[in-house]
Amino acid sequence: MIVMSAHASPEQLQAVLTRIETLGLAAEINLGTGRTVLGVSGQGTETELEALGLLEGVERVVRVLSDYPLASREFHPEDRIVSLTDGIQIGGPGILIMAGPCAVESRSQLQSAAEAVSAQGVRVLRGGAFKPRTSPYAFQGLGVDGLRMLREVADDLGMAVVTEVMAPEDVAVVARHADLLQIGARNMQNYRLLEACARVDKPVLLKRGMSSTLEEWLHAAEYILAGGNLQVALCERGIRTFEPMVRFTLDITSVPVLKRVSSLPVVVDPSHAAGRYEYVKSIGLAAVAAGADGLLVEVHPNPKEALSDGPQSLSPKAFAEMMSAARKVAEAVGRVVT
C-alpha cells in the first residue's frame, strides 16, 4: 500500500503509477480524504517495493498483511459501494432489495413476478436464465431467450437485472443483458469464471459456497478484484451443516464478521437458506437487523407451479408483507430499504 503525501502533484502520482506498471505490478487508486492511497498487487521484490518509497510525492509504503489485501479494510477502510445503473447501488445507507423468480419460465410468468415486486418499490429484477441443478433432468432455464426476456421486462418497468452466469464462455452474453453478474455457490471457486468476470465492466455478486469458510470466500473475491474488477459484492446464502430441518443454515454471523474485516458490501439470500417460504421473512428481517446491505429474494406469481424452487418462493402477497416489515426493521437500525 503506497500512501501519497497530501501535497503530491498529479505528475508525481503518474510517475509512481508508471513505475508500478514497469515492475509488472497492478495498482488500485483509492482517493481518500486528504490522501491518495495506491493498493499494489503482484510479485515485486522487497528491494523494488522499498524503492517505490523513495519516489517524489510518496509519504510511505506499508505492507498489507492480509491474504486478501484488496478486499480488506487495511487497504480500503471505508465501506465500498457497488454501483449498478440509474443510481442503484449496493452499500451505503440503503438496503437494496433484489427480487423475482428463481428461474425465467415464460414471458407471462416473468412479467407477473416483475410487476409484483416493482409495485413494492423493488428496482432490481432477479431471475435465472441459466440454472445449475443437482439433477440433469430438472429444468435448466431458457438460456439466451431468458436473458432477452429479463432485459425487455426490466426495461419496460425501469428496473436493473441480476442473473447468474455459469461458465466463462457465457460471461459476454450475460453481461450484454444484465446489470449485475451473479456467481452462484457451486461456482464460487471456479477460478476461470472468476477471472472472466474480472475482465468485464459489470459489477459482480459473489455467492458463498455451500461448504466454504469466510476466508475461502474472500480469496475468491480477491480473484475478481485482482483481475481489475473492483465492483464486487458478497452474498451469504446459507451453508451446509448437520441440520436437516432447513435447506441450508444461514450464517447470520458472517454479516458482521465480513463487515469488520472487509469493505465489500454484503447481501443475504434468505430464500436459499430457508428452503421453505415460511421462514424467508424471518431470516430476511434478521439479515437487515444484522447489517446486510441487501436481500436477494425469490418471488413467483404462483409458487406451487414453479419449475424451480417453488417451496422457497414467496407469493406476491407474502413478499409485500415482508417488505413492510423490512422497512420497519431498517428504520430501527438507522437505514432505509431501497
Protein backbone atom coordinates (compact mmCIF):
# COMPACT_ATOMS: atom_id res chain seq x y z
CA MET A 1 0.00 0.00 0.00
CA ILE A 2 1.55 3.32 -1.12
CA VAL A 3 0.36 6.43 0.70
CA MET A 4 0.93 9.61 -1.28
CA SER A 5 1.62 12.85 0.55
CA ALA A 6 -1.19 15.34 0.96
CA HIS A 7 0.56 17.72 -1.44
CA ALA A 8 1.58 15.20 -4.11
CA SER A 9 1.05 16.55 -7.60
CA PRO A 10 -0.78 14.73 -10.40
CA GLU A 11 2.58 14.39 -12.18
CA GLN A 12 4.15 12.72 -9.15
CA LEU A 13 1.18 10.34 -8.87
CA GLN A 14 1.51 9.43 -12.55
CA ALA A 15 5.24 8.82 -12.14
CA VAL A 16 4.54 6.35 -9.33
CA LEU A 17 1.87 4.59 -11.40
CA THR A 18 4.27 4.35 -14.35
CA ARG A 19 6.95 2.84 -12.13
CA ILE A 20 4.48 0.30 -10.72
CA GLU A 21 3.48 -0.72 -14.26
CA THR A 22 7.14 -1.02 -15.27
CA LEU A 23 7.69 -3.50 -12.43
CA GLY A 24 4.85 -5.66 -13.74
CA LEU A 25 2.61 -4.84 -10.79
CA ALA A 26 -1.02 -3.69 -10.68
CA ALA A 27 -2.39 -0.72 -8.75
CA GLU A 28 -5.81 0.33 -7.50
CA ILE A 29 -6.26 4.02 -6.73
CA ASN A 30 -8.21 4.87 -3.59
CA LEU A 31 -8.89 8.60 -3.33
CA GLY A 32 -9.35 9.10 0.39
CA THR A 33 -9.90 12.26 2.41
CA GLY A 34 -6.68 14.24 2.13
CA ARG A 35 -4.62 11.28 0.91
CA THR A 36 -4.37 9.22 -2.25
CA VAL A 37 -3.60 5.58 -1.49
CA LEU A 38 -2.45 3.03 -4.07
CA GLY A 39 -3.08 -0.65 -3.50
CA VAL A 40 -0.27 -2.53 -5.24
CA SER A 41 -0.58 -6.23 -6.02
CA GLY A 42 1.81 -8.64 -7.73
CA GLN A 43 5.15 -10.34 -7.13
CA GLY A 44 7.52 -7.43 -6.54
CA THR A 45 10.77 -7.94 -4.64
CA GLU A 46 11.44 -6.30 -1.28
CA THR A 47 14.06 -4.03 -2.90
CA GLU A 48 11.66 -2.91 -5.64
CA LEU A 49 8.94 -2.13 -3.12
CA GLU A 50 11.32 -0.16 -0.91
CA ALA A 51 12.46 1.83 -3.96
CA LEU A 52 8.87 2.95 -4.55
CA GLY A 53 9.01 4.71 -1.20
CA LEU A 54 11.84 6.94 -2.47
CA LEU A 55 9.83 8.42 -5.33
CA GLU A 56 8.76 12.04 -5.08
CA GLY A 57 5.30 12.53 -3.61
CA VAL A 58 5.31 9.20 -1.73
CA GLU A 59 4.79 9.56 2.02
CA ARG A 60 5.24 5.91 2.96
CA VAL A 61 4.95 2.31 1.76
CA VAL A 62 3.01 -0.07 4.02
CA ARG A 63 2.96 -3.84 3.58
CA VAL A 64 -0.60 -5.18 3.87
CA LEU A 65 -0.56 -8.40 5.85
CA SER A 66 -3.98 -9.68 4.81
CA ASP A 67 -4.19 -12.68 2.46
CA TYR A 68 -6.97 -10.80 0.63
CA PRO A 69 -5.48 -7.27 0.53
CA LEU A 70 -7.82 -5.65 -2.00
CA ALA A 71 -10.92 -6.85 -0.15
CA SER A 72 -9.57 -5.93 3.28
CA ARG A 73 -10.17 -2.82 5.33
CA GLU A 74 -6.41 -2.40 5.68
CA PHE A 75 -6.33 -1.03 2.15
CA HIS A 76 -9.87 0.35 1.86
CA PRO A 77 -11.06 1.41 5.34
CA GLU A 78 -14.35 2.92 4.15
CA ASP A 79 -17.33 0.81 3.11
CA ARG A 80 -17.35 0.23 -0.63
CA ILE A 81 -20.36 0.99 -2.77
CA VAL A 82 -21.15 -1.14 -5.82
CA SER A 83 -22.96 0.87 -8.49
CA LEU A 84 -25.37 -0.76 -10.95
CA THR A 85 -27.25 1.76 -13.06
CA ASP A 86 -29.50 4.82 -12.69
CA GLY A 87 -28.31 5.49 -9.15
CA ILE A 88 -28.98 1.94 -7.95
CA GLN A 89 -26.26 0.80 -5.58
CA ILE A 90 -25.33 -1.88 -3.07
CA GLY A 91 -23.87 -0.34 0.07
CA GLY A 92 -24.24 2.97 1.83
CA PRO A 93 -27.26 3.85 3.99
CA GLY A 94 -29.75 2.00 1.81
CA ILE A 95 -30.64 -1.71 1.86
CA LEU A 96 -31.15 -2.84 -1.73
CA ILE A 97 -33.87 -5.42 -2.35
CA MET A 98 -33.46 -7.62 -5.43
CA ALA A 99 -36.42 -9.88 -6.14
CA GLY A 100 -38.05 -12.05 -8.77
CA PRO A 101 -38.46 -15.70 -9.76
CA CYS A 102 -35.78 -18.32 -9.27
CA ALA A 103 -35.95 -19.12 -12.98
CA VAL A 104 -37.41 -17.42 -16.02
CA GLU A 105 -40.09 -19.85 -17.22
CA SER A 106 -42.10 -17.73 -19.68
CA ARG A 107 -42.68 -14.12 -20.61
CA SER A 108 -46.03 -14.01 -18.79
CA GLN A 109 -44.61 -15.58 -15.61
CA LEU A 110 -41.69 -13.16 -15.57
CA GLN A 111 -43.91 -10.18 -16.32
CA SER A 112 -46.26 -11.02 -13.44
CA ALA A 113 -43.42 -11.50 -10.96
CA ALA A 114 -41.65 -8.33 -12.08
CA GLU A 115 -44.80 -6.22 -11.80
CA ALA A 116 -45.45 -7.62 -8.31
CA VAL A 117 -42.01 -6.77 -6.94
CA SER A 118 -41.85 -3.43 -8.79
CA ALA A 119 -45.12 -2.45 -7.09
CA GLN A 120 -43.29 -2.83 -3.76
CA GLY A 121 -40.55 -0.42 -4.83
CA VAL A 122 -38.02 -3.04 -5.94
CA ARG A 123 -35.62 -1.68 -8.56
CA VAL A 124 -33.60 -4.83 -9.33
CA LEU A 125 -35.22 -7.84 -11.01
CA ARG A 126 -33.67 -11.21 -10.31
CA GLY A 127 -34.24 -14.29 -12.42
CA GLY A 128 -32.25 -17.26 -13.66
CA ALA A 129 -31.74 -17.82 -17.39
CA PHE A 130 -29.06 -20.49 -16.92
CA LYS A 131 -29.93 -22.75 -13.97
CA PRO A 132 -27.40 -25.07 -12.31
CA ARG A 133 -29.45 -28.01 -11.00
CA THR A 134 -28.48 -31.04 -8.96
CA SER A 135 -30.38 -33.34 -11.31
CA PRO A 136 -29.62 -33.29 -15.06
CA TYR A 137 -33.34 -33.90 -15.65
CA ALA A 138 -34.51 -30.77 -13.81
CA PHE A 139 -35.46 -27.56 -15.60
CA GLN A 140 -32.22 -25.88 -16.71
CA GLY A 141 -33.57 -22.48 -17.73
CA LEU A 142 -34.29 -20.82 -21.08
CA GLY A 143 -30.75 -19.66 -21.75
CA VAL A 144 -30.31 -16.66 -24.04
CA ASP A 145 -34.08 -16.41 -24.59
CA GLY A 146 -34.44 -16.00 -20.83
CA LEU A 147 -31.81 -13.26 -20.83
CA ARG A 148 -33.69 -11.36 -23.52
CA MET A 149 -36.94 -11.62 -21.55
CA LEU A 150 -35.25 -10.35 -18.40
CA ARG A 151 -33.84 -7.34 -20.23
CA GLU A 152 -37.08 -6.48 -22.01
CA VAL A 153 -39.29 -6.80 -18.92
CA ALA A 154 -36.84 -4.89 -16.75
CA ASP A 155 -36.55 -2.09 -19.30
CA ASP A 156 -40.34 -1.79 -19.51
CA LEU A 157 -40.51 -1.33 -15.72
CA GLY A 158 -37.38 0.77 -15.31
CA MET A 159 -35.52 -1.96 -13.40
CA ALA A 160 -31.99 -3.33 -13.37
CA VAL A 161 -31.25 -7.06 -13.86
CA VAL A 162 -29.25 -9.54 -11.78
CA THR A 163 -28.81 -13.05 -13.16
CA GLU A 164 -26.38 -15.92 -12.79
CA VAL A 165 -23.51 -16.68 -15.14
CA MET A 166 -22.29 -20.27 -15.05
CA ALA A 167 -19.38 -20.55 -17.46
CA PRO A 168 -16.54 -18.31 -18.74
CA GLU A 169 -17.82 -18.59 -22.30
CA ASP A 170 -21.22 -17.18 -21.22
CA VAL A 171 -19.86 -14.05 -19.49
CA ALA A 172 -20.02 -11.81 -22.56
CA VAL A 173 -23.61 -12.61 -23.49
CA VAL A 174 -24.84 -12.37 -19.88
CA ALA A 175 -23.03 -9.04 -19.45
CA ARG A 176 -24.87 -7.67 -22.50
CA HIS A 177 -28.23 -8.29 -20.84
CA ALA A 178 -27.58 -7.95 -17.09
CA ASP A 179 -26.52 -5.08 -14.85
CA LEU A 180 -25.16 -7.36 -12.11
CA LEU A 181 -23.48 -10.72 -12.76
CA GLN A 182 -24.21 -13.35 -10.13
CA ILE A 183 -21.71 -16.14 -9.47
CA GLY A 184 -23.54 -18.97 -7.75
CA ALA A 185 -22.50 -21.05 -4.76
CA ARG A 186 -21.46 -24.00 -6.89
CA ASN A 187 -19.11 -21.76 -8.87
CA MET A 188 -17.54 -19.74 -6.07
CA GLN A 189 -14.20 -21.47 -6.65
CA ASN A 190 -14.49 -21.77 -10.42
CA TYR A 191 -11.35 -19.69 -10.92
CA ARG A 192 -11.63 -19.44 -14.71
CA LEU A 193 -15.12 -17.98 -14.26
CA LEU A 194 -13.89 -15.55 -11.59
CA GLU A 195 -11.10 -14.39 -13.90
CA ALA A 196 -13.53 -13.98 -16.80
CA CYS A 197 -15.85 -11.83 -14.67
CA ALA A 198 -12.84 -9.74 -13.64
CA ARG A 199 -12.37 -8.71 -17.27
CA VAL A 200 -15.84 -7.24 -17.88
CA ASP A 201 -17.10 -3.81 -16.93
CA LYS A 202 -20.04 -5.07 -14.89
CA PRO A 203 -20.38 -5.48 -11.11
CA VAL A 204 -20.37 -8.99 -9.65
CA LEU A 205 -22.43 -10.59 -6.89
CA LEU A 206 -20.38 -13.48 -5.49
CA LYS A 207 -22.31 -16.10 -3.53
CA ARG A 208 -20.70 -18.13 -0.76
CA GLY A 209 -20.00 -21.77 -1.50
CA MET A 210 -22.23 -24.08 0.50
CA SER A 211 -19.25 -25.53 2.40
CA SER A 212 -16.82 -22.62 2.19
CA THR A 213 -15.20 -20.68 5.02
CA LEU A 214 -15.29 -16.90 5.09
CA GLU A 215 -11.60 -16.73 4.19
CA GLU A 216 -12.08 -19.03 1.19
CA TRP A 217 -14.93 -16.78 0.10
CA LEU A 218 -12.81 -13.63 0.43
CA HIS A 219 -9.99 -15.30 -1.51
CA ALA A 220 -12.46 -15.97 -4.33
CA ALA A 221 -13.48 -12.31 -4.29
CA GLU A 222 -9.80 -11.37 -4.46
CA TYR A 223 -9.52 -13.15 -7.84
CA ILE A 224 -12.07 -10.72 -9.28
CA LEU A 225 -10.59 -7.65 -7.57
CA ALA A 226 -7.01 -8.51 -8.53
CA GLY A 227 -8.14 -9.06 -12.11
CA GLY A 228 -9.23 -5.44 -12.33
CA ASN A 229 -12.96 -5.51 -11.49
CA LEU A 230 -13.37 -3.59 -8.24
CA GLN A 231 -17.18 -3.73 -8.23
CA VAL A 232 -17.78 -6.84 -6.10
CA ALA A 233 -20.48 -7.59 -3.53
CA LEU A 234 -20.72 -10.75 -1.41
CA CYS A 235 -23.90 -12.81 -0.95
CA GLU A 236 -24.44 -15.11 2.05
CA ARG A 237 -26.92 -17.84 1.09
CA GLY A 238 -26.52 -20.38 3.86
CA ILE A 239 -24.04 -23.19 4.42
CA ARG A 240 -24.39 -26.94 4.66
CA THR A 241 -24.49 -28.22 8.24
CA PHE A 242 -25.88 -31.23 10.09
CA GLU A 243 -29.34 -29.62 10.47
CA PRO A 244 -31.96 -31.25 8.17
CA MET A 245 -34.99 -29.07 9.01
CA VAL A 246 -33.89 -26.27 6.68
CA ARG A 247 -32.28 -26.39 3.26
CA PHE A 248 -29.13 -24.65 4.50
CA THR A 249 -28.10 -22.92 7.70
CA LEU A 250 -27.95 -19.15 7.32
CA ASP A 251 -24.69 -17.96 8.86
CA ILE A 252 -26.00 -14.65 10.17
CA THR A 253 -22.69 -14.01 11.93
CA SER A 254 -21.00 -13.79 8.53
CA VAL A 255 -22.59 -10.37 8.02
CA PRO A 256 -20.93 -8.52 10.94
CA VAL A 257 -17.70 -10.52 10.59
CA LEU A 258 -17.34 -9.66 6.90
CA LYS A 259 -18.26 -6.04 7.56
CA ARG A 260 -15.41 -5.88 10.09
CA VAL A 261 -12.62 -7.47 8.04
CA SER A 262 -13.69 -6.41 4.55
CA SER A 263 -15.00 -3.26 2.92
CA LEU A 264 -17.12 -5.16 0.36
CA PRO A 265 -20.94 -4.88 0.57
CA VAL A 266 -22.74 -7.93 1.97
CA VAL A 267 -26.07 -9.21 0.64
CA VAL A 268 -28.14 -12.06 2.10
CA ASP A 269 -30.26 -14.59 0.20
CA PRO A 270 -32.87 -15.79 2.72
CA SER A 271 -34.71 -17.91 0.14
CA HIS A 272 -31.95 -20.46 -0.47
CA ALA A 273 -31.03 -20.61 3.19
CA ALA A 274 -34.60 -21.35 4.29
CA GLY A 275 -35.72 -23.71 1.58
CA ARG A 276 -39.27 -23.04 2.80
CA TYR A 277 -41.26 -19.87 2.20
CA GLU A 278 -42.49 -19.88 5.80
CA TYR A 279 -39.01 -18.95 7.07
CA VAL A 280 -37.91 -16.46 4.42
CA LYS A 281 -39.43 -13.38 6.07
CA SER A 282 -37.89 -14.05 9.49
CA ILE A 283 -34.46 -14.79 8.07
CA GLY A 284 -34.59 -11.74 5.82
CA LEU A 285 -35.50 -9.45 8.72
CA ALA A 286 -32.66 -10.91 10.80
CA ALA A 287 -30.25 -10.11 7.98
CA VAL A 288 -31.46 -6.50 7.82
CA ALA A 289 -31.01 -6.18 11.59
CA ALA A 290 -27.52 -7.70 11.37
CA GLY A 291 -26.33 -5.05 8.91
CA ALA A 292 -26.81 -6.60 5.47
CA ASP A 293 -26.61 -4.18 2.54
CA GLY A 294 -29.25 -6.01 0.54
CA LEU A 295 -31.55 -9.01 0.19
CA LEU A 296 -31.96 -11.39 -2.75
CA VAL A 297 -35.48 -12.83 -2.58
CA GLU A 298 -37.33 -15.33 -4.75
CA VAL A 299 -40.87 -14.30 -5.68
CA HIS A 300 -43.18 -16.25 -8.00
CA PRO A 301 -46.74 -15.37 -9.10
CA ASN A 302 -47.81 -18.95 -8.34
CA PRO A 303 -45.14 -20.80 -6.29
CA LYS A 304 -46.99 -24.12 -6.46
CA GLU A 305 -46.49 -24.18 -10.23
CA ALA A 306 -42.85 -23.02 -10.22
CA LEU A 307 -40.43 -25.11 -12.28
CA SER A 308 -37.59 -24.29 -9.87
CA ASP A 309 -37.51 -23.74 -6.08
CA GLY A 310 -41.26 -23.29 -5.66
CA PRO A 311 -41.26 -24.30 -1.94
CA GLN A 312 -38.97 -21.40 -1.03
CA SER A 313 -40.56 -18.76 -3.26
CA LEU A 314 -42.79 -16.07 -1.80
CA SER A 315 -46.14 -15.20 -3.32
CA PRO A 316 -46.66 -11.52 -4.20
CA LYS A 317 -48.81 -11.11 -1.07
CA ALA A 318 -46.21 -12.69 1.21
CA PHE A 319 -43.49 -10.57 -0.38
CA ALA A 320 -45.50 -7.39 0.25
CA GLU A 321 -45.80 -8.36 3.92
CA MET A 322 -42.06 -8.98 4.11
CA MET A 323 -41.26 -5.60 2.53
CA SER A 324 -43.48 -3.79 5.02
CA ALA A 325 -41.73 -5.49 7.94
CA ALA A 326 -38.27 -4.95 6.41
CA ARG A 327 -38.85 -1.21 6.19
CA LYS A 328 -39.66 -1.09 9.90
CA VAL A 329 -36.58 -3.09 10.88
CA ALA A 330 -34.37 -0.98 8.60
CA GLU A 331 -35.70 2.20 10.21
CA ALA A 332 -34.99 0.77 13.66
CA VAL A 333 -31.30 0.29 12.79
CA GLY A 334 -30.96 3.69 11.09
CA ARG A 335 -31.23 2.60 7.48
CA VAL A 336 -33.78 2.58 4.69
CA VAL A 337 -35.00 -0.10 2.26
CA THR A 338 -34.38 0.82 -1.38
